[in-house]
Amino acid sequence: MLAQRSKPTQVMVKEQGKADDESSILDSCGTDYIAGYADSFNCTAGSNLTLERSLCRAAIAAANGDEAANWEVDPTASNIIDHPEGCFKGADSKYYFNPVALQRTNATTGQPIPVEGTPMCHRPKYKTGVAHPNGTITCDDGYSLINDEDECDLEGNCNANVAVPGYPFRITQNNASDEANYPKGCFINKPDSKLYFNKVTDDGVVWNFKDQNHTGTPVCKVTAASTLF
C-alpha cells in the first residue's frame, strides 16, 4: 500500500484521439517505439513514422547509450531513395535517419519500388479508455488498463499532456463505498481532471457511476512495450 504523498508527482497521459504532432513535445518517456513493415515506408496500425531527428536520436541513445548510431543519409546522395523516410533500422542492424521523403515507382507497374530498411514508428504509450456501466473497461487494441497503484502513481513523469494526481490518491481512502462510484484502476476524474486510483476489493461490486459514467476516464497503457532494439 502506498503512503499518501504531501506533494503529488505528475503522470503523463496521452488523451485518446489526440494526434501526435511530431513536435518537441513528444519524447521517449511518453512514446512507445515499434517496428513498421520491413522494406517500406509503412507503419503498423496506430503508429506513425518518426520524422523528427531529435526523437530518433533520443530513442537510439536511450536504448544503446550511443548517439553515434545515428546516421543522416546525405540528401544529395543517390541512396536517399533506397531507404525509408525518417528513423529506420538498416540491414546492418544499426539505426539511421533519412530526412528525405522520396520513393521511386516502377515505370511499368506504377507500384512503389521496395526500399531497404525497417521504419522506426512511434505511438503514444498512454491512452484513455472507456468505462462501462457493468464496471468493465475498454482500451484500444494493444492497450490495457493500468490496474496497479504504484504504476498509476509513479509511471510516466513525462513532459507532454500531464494529469496531476489528486489527493488522497486512492479514491476510497476516505470512503470505502466510493469504489462503486468510479472506474476501477487508474482514471482521470471528470470534475477536477486529476488522476486517481480505485482499488476495487470486491469483484461483485454493483457499480453506481454517476451522470451516466461521466465520473472518470480510465487510463490505459501499451500492453507490452515494443522496441526495435
C-alpha atoms as a PDB file:
ATOM      1  CA  MET A   1       0.000   0.000   0.000  1.00  0.00           C
ATOM      2  CA  LEU A   2       1.342   3.392  -0.944  1.00  0.00           C
ATOM      3  CA  ALA A   3       1.833   6.082   1.643  1.00  0.00           C
ATOM      4  CA  GLN A   4      -0.066   9.204   0.667  1.00  0.00           C
ATOM      5  CA  ARG A   5       2.134  11.986  -0.682  1.00  0.00           C
ATOM      6  CA  SER A   6       2.056  15.556   0.550  1.00  0.00           C
ATOM      7  CA  LYS A   7       3.097  16.805  -2.910  1.00  0.00           C
ATOM      8  CA  PRO A   8       1.812  14.696  -5.793  1.00  0.00           C
ATOM      9  CA  THR A   9       4.012  13.896  -8.752  1.00  0.00           C
ATOM     10  CA  GLN A  10       2.919  14.293 -12.352  1.00  0.00           C
ATOM     11  CA  VAL A  11       1.920  11.393 -14.559  1.00  0.00           C
ATOM     12  CA  MET A  12       1.878  11.673 -18.321  1.00  0.00           C
ATOM     13  CA  VAL A  13      -1.312  10.667 -20.097  1.00  0.00           C
ATOM     14  CA  LYS A  14      -1.894  10.867 -23.828  1.00  0.00           C
ATOM     15  CA  GLU A  15      -5.557  11.647 -24.432  1.00  0.00           C
ATOM     16  CA  GLN A  16      -7.344   9.283 -26.795  1.00  0.00           C
ATOM     17  CA  GLY A  17      -7.791  10.767 -30.231  1.00  0.00           C
ATOM     18  CA  LYS A  18      -5.222  13.483 -29.659  1.00  0.00           C
ATOM     19  CA  ALA A  19      -2.891  13.334 -32.646  1.00  0.00           C
ATOM     20  CA  ASP A  20       0.858  13.019 -32.389  1.00  0.00           C
ATOM     21  CA  ASP A  21       2.155  16.189 -33.960  1.00  0.00           C
ATOM     22  CA  GLU A  22       5.863  15.346 -34.411  1.00  0.00           C
ATOM     23  CA  SER A  23       6.827  18.353 -32.309  1.00  0.00           C
ATOM     24  CA  SER A  24       9.312  18.676 -29.484  1.00  0.00           C
ATOM     25  CA  ILE A  25       6.505  17.984 -27.011  1.00  0.00           C
ATOM     26  CA  LEU A  26       6.952  14.294 -27.802  1.00  0.00           C
ATOM     27  CA  ASP A  27       9.764  12.453 -26.085  1.00  0.00           C
ATOM     28  CA  SER A  28      10.909   8.909 -25.452  1.00  0.00           C
ATOM     29  CA  CYS A  29       9.386   8.881 -21.979  1.00  0.00           C
ATOM     30  CA  GLY A  30       5.814   9.015 -23.224  1.00  0.00           C
ATOM     31  CA  THR A  31       6.395   7.365 -26.576  1.00  0.00           C
ATOM     32  CA  ASP A  32       6.485   3.692 -27.467  1.00  0.00           C
ATOM     33  CA  TYR A  33       8.629   2.795 -30.464  1.00  0.00           C
ATOM     34  CA  ILE A  34       7.536  -0.059 -32.671  1.00  0.00           C
ATOM     35  CA  ALA A  35       8.831  -1.548 -35.897  1.00  0.00           C
ATOM     36  CA  GLY A  36       6.972  -0.795 -39.099  1.00  0.00           C
ATOM     37  CA  TYR A  37       6.824  -3.033 -42.135  1.00  0.00           C
ATOM     38  CA  ALA A  38      10.231  -4.053 -43.414  1.00  0.00           C
ATOM     39  CA  ASP A  39      11.488  -2.517 -46.633  1.00  0.00           C
ATOM     40  CA  SER A  40       8.672   0.000 -46.841  1.00  0.00           C
ATOM     41  CA  PHE A  41       7.530   3.480 -45.812  1.00  0.00           C
ATOM     42  CA  ASN A  42       4.649   1.957 -43.815  1.00  0.00           C
ATOM     43  CA  CYS A  43       3.894   1.698 -40.096  1.00  0.00           C
ATOM     44  CA  THR A  44       1.547  -0.735 -38.401  1.00  0.00           C
ATOM     45  CA  ALA A  45      -1.950   0.466 -37.497  1.00  0.00           C
ATOM     46  CA  GLY A  46      -1.995   3.030 -34.712  1.00  0.00           C
ATOM     47  CA  SER A  47       1.598   4.161 -35.171  1.00  0.00           C
ATOM     48  CA  ASN A  48       3.336   6.796 -37.289  1.00  0.00           C
ATOM     49  CA  LEU A  49       6.704   7.329 -38.911  1.00  0.00           C
ATOM     50  CA  THR A  50       9.274   9.015 -36.653  1.00  0.00           C
ATOM     51  CA  LEU A  51      10.125  12.066 -38.727  1.00  0.00           C
ATOM     52  CA  GLU A  52      11.846  14.207 -36.127  1.00  0.00           C
ATOM     53  CA  ARG A  53      15.591  13.768 -35.832  1.00  0.00           C
ATOM     54  CA  SER A  54      15.636  14.552 -32.113  1.00  0.00           C
ATOM     55  CA  LEU A  55      13.163  11.755 -31.368  1.00  0.00           C
ATOM     56  CA  CYS A  56      15.200   9.318 -33.396  1.00  0.00           C
ATOM     57  CA  ARG A  57      18.382  10.334 -31.591  1.00  0.00           C
ATOM     58  CA  ALA A  58      16.772  10.188 -28.151  1.00  0.00           C
ATOM     59  CA  ALA A  59      15.323   6.736 -28.721  1.00  0.00           C
ATOM     60  CA  ILE A  60      18.577   5.317 -30.032  1.00  0.00           C
ATOM     61  CA  ALA A  61      20.643   6.921 -27.282  1.00  0.00           C
ATOM     62  CA  ALA A  62      18.282   5.629 -24.588  1.00  0.00           C
ATOM     63  CA  ALA A  63      18.465   2.098 -25.921  1.00  0.00           C
ATOM     64  CA  ASN A  64      22.101   1.890 -26.956  1.00  0.00           C
ATOM     65  CA  GLY A  65      23.725   4.576 -24.848  1.00  0.00           C
ATOM     66  CA  ASP A  66      25.358   5.811 -28.020  1.00  0.00           C
ATOM     67  CA  GLU A  67      24.064   8.542 -30.292  1.00  0.00           C
ATOM     68  CA  ALA A  68      26.765   7.644 -32.797  1.00  0.00           C
ATOM     69  CA  ALA A  69      24.386   5.003 -34.095  1.00  0.00           C
ATOM     70  CA  ASN A  70      22.596   7.865 -35.835  1.00  0.00           C
ATOM     71  CA  TRP A  71      23.493   8.376 -39.429  1.00  0.00           C
ATOM     72  CA  GLU A  72      21.834  11.002 -41.548  1.00  0.00           C
ATOM     73  CA  VAL A  73      21.577   9.880 -45.150  1.00  0.00           C
ATOM     74  CA  ASP A  74      23.147  12.553 -47.337  1.00  0.00           C
ATOM     75  CA  PRO A  75      20.187  14.243 -49.081  1.00  0.00           C
ATOM     76  CA  THR A  76      22.423  14.865 -52.102  1.00  0.00           C
ATOM     77  CA  ALA A  77      23.383  11.200 -52.441  1.00  0.00           C
ATOM     78  CA  SER A  78      21.585   8.700 -54.611  1.00  0.00           C
ATOM     79  CA  ASN A  79      20.828   6.379 -51.701  1.00  0.00           C
ATOM     80  CA  ILE A  80      18.186   8.675 -50.219  1.00  0.00           C
ATOM     81  CA  ILE A  81      15.661   6.909 -52.411  1.00  0.00           C
ATOM     82  CA  ASP A  82      16.714   3.467 -51.218  1.00  0.00           C
ATOM     83  CA  HIS A  83      15.733   3.845 -47.551  1.00  0.00           C
ATOM     84  CA  PRO A  84      12.561   4.581 -45.556  1.00  0.00           C
ATOM     85  CA  GLU A  85      11.814   8.147 -44.554  1.00  0.00           C
ATOM     86  CA  GLY A  86      12.789   9.285 -41.070  1.00  0.00           C
ATOM     87  CA  CYS A  87      14.165   6.932 -38.436  1.00  0.00           C
ATOM     88  CA  PHE A  88      14.852   3.399 -39.642  1.00  0.00           C
ATOM     89  CA  LYS A  89      16.812   0.235 -38.944  1.00  0.00           C
ATOM     90  CA  GLY A  90      19.216  -0.716 -41.689  1.00  0.00           C
ATOM     91  CA  ALA A  91      20.257  -4.137 -42.949  1.00  0.00           C
ATOM     92  CA  ASP A  92      23.323  -3.853 -40.696  1.00  0.00           C
ATOM     93  CA  SER A  93      21.019  -3.666 -37.623  1.00  0.00           C
ATOM     94  CA  LYS A  94      22.093  -0.084 -36.946  1.00  0.00           C
ATOM     95  CA  TYR A  95      19.718   2.870 -36.797  1.00  0.00           C
ATOM     96  CA  TYR A  96      19.718   5.840 -39.133  1.00  0.00           C
ATOM     97  CA  PHE A  97      17.778   8.950 -40.016  1.00  0.00           C
ATOM     98  CA  ASN A  98      16.740   9.859 -43.553  1.00  0.00           C
ATOM     99  CA  PRO A  99      15.355  13.407 -43.795  1.00  0.00           C
ATOM    100  CA  VAL A 100      14.109  12.979 -47.345  1.00  0.00           C
ATOM    101  CA  ALA A 101      10.700  11.549 -48.265  1.00  0.00           C
ATOM    102  CA  LEU A 102      11.175  10.031 -51.671  1.00  0.00           C
ATOM    103  CA  GLN A 103      10.237   6.635 -53.013  1.00  0.00           C
ATOM    104  CA  ARG A 104      10.553   5.536 -56.605  1.00  0.00           C
ATOM    105  CA  THR A 105       7.832   3.750 -58.528  1.00  0.00           C
ATOM    106  CA  ASN A 106       8.126   1.148 -61.234  1.00  0.00           C
ATOM    107  CA  ALA A 107       7.621   2.891 -64.560  1.00  0.00           C
ATOM    108  CA  THR A 108       5.672  -0.078 -65.920  1.00  0.00           C
ATOM    109  CA  THR A 109       3.510  -1.147 -62.993  1.00  0.00           C
ATOM    110  CA  GLY A 110       3.309   2.144 -61.112  1.00  0.00           C
ATOM    111  CA  GLN A 111       3.987   0.239 -57.892  1.00  0.00           C
ATOM    112  CA  PRO A 112       6.478   1.545 -55.288  1.00  0.00           C
ATOM    113  CA  ILE A 113       9.959   0.074 -55.596  1.00  0.00           C
ATOM    114  CA  PRO A 114      10.876  -1.510 -52.221  1.00  0.00           C
ATOM    115  CA  VAL A 115      13.373   0.355 -50.068  1.00  0.00           C
ATOM    116  CA  GLU A 116      15.883  -1.269 -47.750  1.00  0.00           C
ATOM    117  CA  GLY A 117      15.306  -0.926 -44.028  1.00  0.00           C
ATOM    118  CA  THR A 118      12.601  -1.073 -41.383  1.00  0.00           C
ATOM    119  CA  PRO A 119      10.991   2.215 -40.346  1.00  0.00           C
ATOM    120  CA  MET A 120      11.031   3.069 -36.647  1.00  0.00           C
ATOM    121  CA  CYS A 121       7.450   4.072 -35.919  1.00  0.00           C
ATOM    122  CA  HIS A 122       6.008   5.534 -32.739  1.00  0.00           C
ATOM    123  CA  ARG A 123       2.713   5.547 -30.854  1.00  0.00           C
ATOM    124  CA  PRO A 124       1.513   7.018 -27.549  1.00  0.00           C
ATOM    125  CA  LYS A 125       2.500   4.923 -24.545  1.00  0.00           C
ATOM    126  CA  TYR A 126      -0.664   6.036 -22.728  1.00  0.00           C
ATOM    127  CA  LYS A 127      -4.245   6.434 -23.929  1.00  0.00           C
ATOM    128  CA  THR A 128      -7.601   6.923 -22.281  1.00  0.00           C
ATOM    129  CA  GLY A 129     -10.171   4.120 -22.335  1.00  0.00           C
ATOM    130  CA  VAL A 130     -13.901   3.785 -21.708  1.00  0.00           C
ATOM    131  CA  ALA A 131     -15.630   2.626 -18.506  1.00  0.00           C
ATOM    132  CA  HIS A 132     -18.916   0.757 -18.971  1.00  0.00           C
ATOM    133  CA  PRO A 133     -21.891   0.611 -16.570  1.00  0.00           C
ATOM    134  CA  ASN A 134     -21.080  -3.007 -15.615  1.00  0.00           C
ATOM    135  CA  GLY A 135     -17.616  -1.972 -14.400  1.00  0.00           C
ATOM    136  CA  THR A 136     -15.650  -3.305 -17.358  1.00  0.00           C
ATOM    137  CA  ILE A 137     -13.020  -1.169 -19.042  1.00  0.00           C
ATOM    138  CA  THR A 138     -12.375  -0.966 -22.773  1.00  0.00           C
ATOM    139  CA  CYS A 139      -8.981   0.107 -24.081  1.00  0.00           C
ATOM    140  CA  ASP A 140      -7.812   0.464 -27.668  1.00  0.00           C
ATOM    141  CA  ASP A 141      -6.226  -2.581 -29.299  1.00  0.00           C
ATOM    142  CA  GLY A 142      -2.729  -3.074 -27.952  1.00  0.00           C
ATOM    143  CA  TYR A 143      -3.510  -1.246 -24.686  1.00  0.00           C
ATOM    144  CA  SER A 144      -4.734  -2.396 -21.274  1.00  0.00           C
ATOM    145  CA  LEU A 145      -5.938  -0.700 -18.104  1.00  0.00           C
ATOM    146  CA  ILE A 146      -3.289   0.442 -15.625  1.00  0.00           C
ATOM    147  CA  ASN A 147      -4.554  -1.536 -12.650  1.00  0.00           C
ATOM    148  CA  ASP A 148      -1.535  -1.260 -10.387  1.00  0.00           C
ATOM    149  CA  GLU A 149      -1.470   1.548  -7.832  1.00  0.00           C
ATOM    150  CA  ASP A 150       2.293   2.059  -7.895  1.00  0.00           C
ATOM    151  CA  GLU A 151       2.330   2.206 -11.677  1.00  0.00           C
ATOM    152  CA  CYS A 152      -0.593   4.620 -11.805  1.00  0.00           C
ATOM    153  CA  ASP A 153       1.023   6.879  -9.223  1.00  0.00           C
ATOM    154  CA  LEU A 154       4.605   6.864 -10.410  1.00  0.00           C
ATOM    155  CA  GLU A 155       4.716   5.787 -14.045  1.00  0.00           C
ATOM    156  CA  GLY A 156       5.442   8.483 -16.588  1.00  0.00           C
ATOM    157  CA  ASN A 157       6.639  11.843 -15.322  1.00  0.00           C
ATOM    158  CA  CYS A 158       6.778  12.956 -18.914  1.00  0.00           C
ATOM    159  CA  ASN A 159       6.603  16.446 -20.384  1.00  0.00           C
ATOM    160  CA  ALA A 160       3.509  16.010 -22.512  1.00  0.00           C
ATOM    161  CA  ASN A 161      -0.183  16.118 -21.601  1.00  0.00           C
ATOM    162  CA  VAL A 162       0.175  15.614 -17.846  1.00  0.00           C
ATOM    163  CA  ALA A 163      -2.553  14.716 -15.412  1.00  0.00           C
ATOM    164  CA  VAL A 164      -1.711  15.745 -11.840  1.00  0.00           C
ATOM    165  CA  PRO A 165      -2.622  13.111  -9.226  1.00  0.00           C
ATOM    166  CA  GLY A 166      -5.341  14.145  -6.817  1.00  0.00           C
ATOM    167  CA  TYR A 167      -5.274  13.769  -3.060  1.00  0.00           C
ATOM    168  CA  PRO A 168      -5.984  11.406  -1.489  1.00  0.00           C
ATOM    169  CA  PHE A 169      -4.706   9.437  -4.456  1.00  0.00           C
ATOM    170  CA  ARG A 170      -6.623   6.266  -3.580  1.00  0.00           C
ATOM    171  CA  ILE A 171     -10.218   7.348  -4.167  1.00  0.00           C
ATOM    172  CA  THR A 172     -11.587   5.070  -1.414  1.00  0.00           C
ATOM    173  CA  GLN A 173      -9.300   6.306   1.356  1.00  0.00           C
ATOM    174  CA  ASN A 174     -11.965   8.493   2.954  1.00  0.00           C
ATOM    175  CA  ASN A 175     -14.993   6.490   1.885  1.00  0.00           C
ATOM    176  CA  ALA A 176     -14.702   2.789   1.020  1.00  0.00           C
ATOM    177  CA  SER A 177     -18.066   2.785  -0.742  1.00  0.00           C
ATOM    178  CA  ASP A 178     -16.676   5.145  -3.379  1.00  0.00           C
ATOM    179  CA  GLU A 179     -15.195   2.151  -5.205  1.00  0.00           C
ATOM    180  CA  ALA A 180     -18.622   1.671  -6.814  1.00  0.00           C
ATOM    181  CA  ASN A 181     -18.817   5.271  -7.983  1.00  0.00           C
ATOM    182  CA  TYR A 182     -15.667   5.465 -10.104  1.00  0.00           C
ATOM    183  CA  PRO A 183     -13.924   3.364 -12.771  1.00  0.00           C
ATOM    184  CA  LYS A 184     -11.617   0.708 -11.379  1.00  0.00           C
ATOM    185  CA  GLY A 185      -7.886   1.099 -11.655  1.00  0.00           C
ATOM    186  CA  CYS A 186      -6.175   4.269 -12.857  1.00  0.00           C
ATOM    187  CA  PHE A 187      -8.525   7.041 -14.005  1.00  0.00           C
ATOM    188  CA  ILE A 188      -8.853  10.769 -14.580  1.00  0.00           C
ATOM    189  CA  ASN A 189     -11.638  12.270 -12.522  1.00  0.00           C
ATOM    190  CA  LYS A 190     -14.058  14.330 -14.602  1.00  0.00           C
ATOM    191  CA  PRO A 191     -14.797  17.176 -12.145  1.00  0.00           C
ATOM    192  CA  ASP A 192     -11.188  18.134 -11.359  1.00  0.00           C
ATOM    193  CA  SER A 193      -9.291  16.444 -14.251  1.00  0.00           C
ATOM    194  CA  LYS A 194      -6.848  14.882 -11.774  1.00  0.00           C
ATOM    195  CA  LEU A 195      -5.528  11.350 -11.616  1.00  0.00           C
ATOM    196  CA  TYR A 196      -6.752   8.827  -9.027  1.00  0.00           C
ATOM    197  CA  PHE A 197      -6.608   5.108  -8.344  1.00  0.00           C
ATOM    198  CA  ASN A 198      -9.603   2.948  -7.471  1.00  0.00           C
ATOM    199  CA  LYS A 199      -8.553  -0.286  -5.777  1.00  0.00           C
ATOM    200  CA  VAL A 200     -11.586  -2.494  -6.272  1.00  0.00           C
ATOM    201  CA  THR A 201     -11.697  -5.029  -3.457  1.00  0.00           C
ATOM    202  CA  ASP A 202     -14.872  -6.864  -4.468  1.00  0.00           C
ATOM    203  CA  ASP A 203     -15.290  -8.244  -7.986  1.00  0.00           C
ATOM    204  CA  GLY A 204     -19.007  -8.437  -7.337  1.00  0.00           C
ATOM    205  CA  VAL A 205     -19.353  -4.719  -6.657  1.00  0.00           C
ATOM    206  CA  VAL A 206     -22.535  -3.135  -8.005  1.00  0.00           C
ATOM    207  CA  TRP A 207     -21.376  -0.134  -9.983  1.00  0.00           C
ATOM    208  CA  ASN A 208     -23.049   3.167  -9.339  1.00  0.00           C
ATOM    209  CA  PHE A 209     -21.494   5.505 -11.867  1.00  0.00           C
ATOM    210  CA  LYS A 210     -22.953   8.986 -11.605  1.00  0.00           C
ATOM    211  CA  ASP A 211     -24.101  11.012 -14.578  1.00  0.00           C
ATOM    212  CA  GLN A 212     -24.047   8.020 -16.920  1.00  0.00           C
ATOM    213  CA  ASN A 213     -20.447   7.058 -16.247  1.00  0.00           C
ATOM    214  CA  HIS A 214     -19.052  10.581 -16.523  1.00  0.00           C
ATOM    215  CA  THR A 215     -17.252  10.480 -13.202  1.00  0.00           C
ATOM    216  CA  GLY A 216     -13.949   9.323 -14.649  1.00  0.00           C
ATOM    217  CA  THR A 217     -11.962   8.212 -17.658  1.00  0.00           C
ATOM    218  CA  PRO A 218      -9.760   5.084 -17.375  1.00  0.00           C
ATOM    219  CA  VAL A 219      -6.067   5.341 -18.254  1.00  0.00           C
ATOM    220  CA  CYS A 220      -4.601   2.587 -20.419  1.00  0.00           C
ATOM    221  CA  LYS A 221      -1.012   1.746 -21.308  1.00  0.00           C
ATOM    222  CA  VAL A 222       0.614  -0.147 -24.145  1.00  0.00           C
ATOM    223  CA  THR A 223       0.079  -3.799 -23.231  1.00  0.00           C
ATOM    224  CA  ALA A 224       3.622  -4.878 -23.984  1.00  0.00           C
ATOM    225  CA  ALA A 225       6.064  -2.092 -24.696  1.00  0.00           C
ATOM    226  CA  SER A 226       7.631  -2.696 -28.068  1.00  0.00           C
ATOM    227  CA  THR A 227      11.175  -1.890 -29.006  1.00  0.00           C
ATOM    228  CA  LEU A 228      13.285  -2.057 -32.114  1.00  0.00           C
ATOM    229  CA  PHE A 229      16.472  -2.595 -30.173  1.00  0.00           C
END
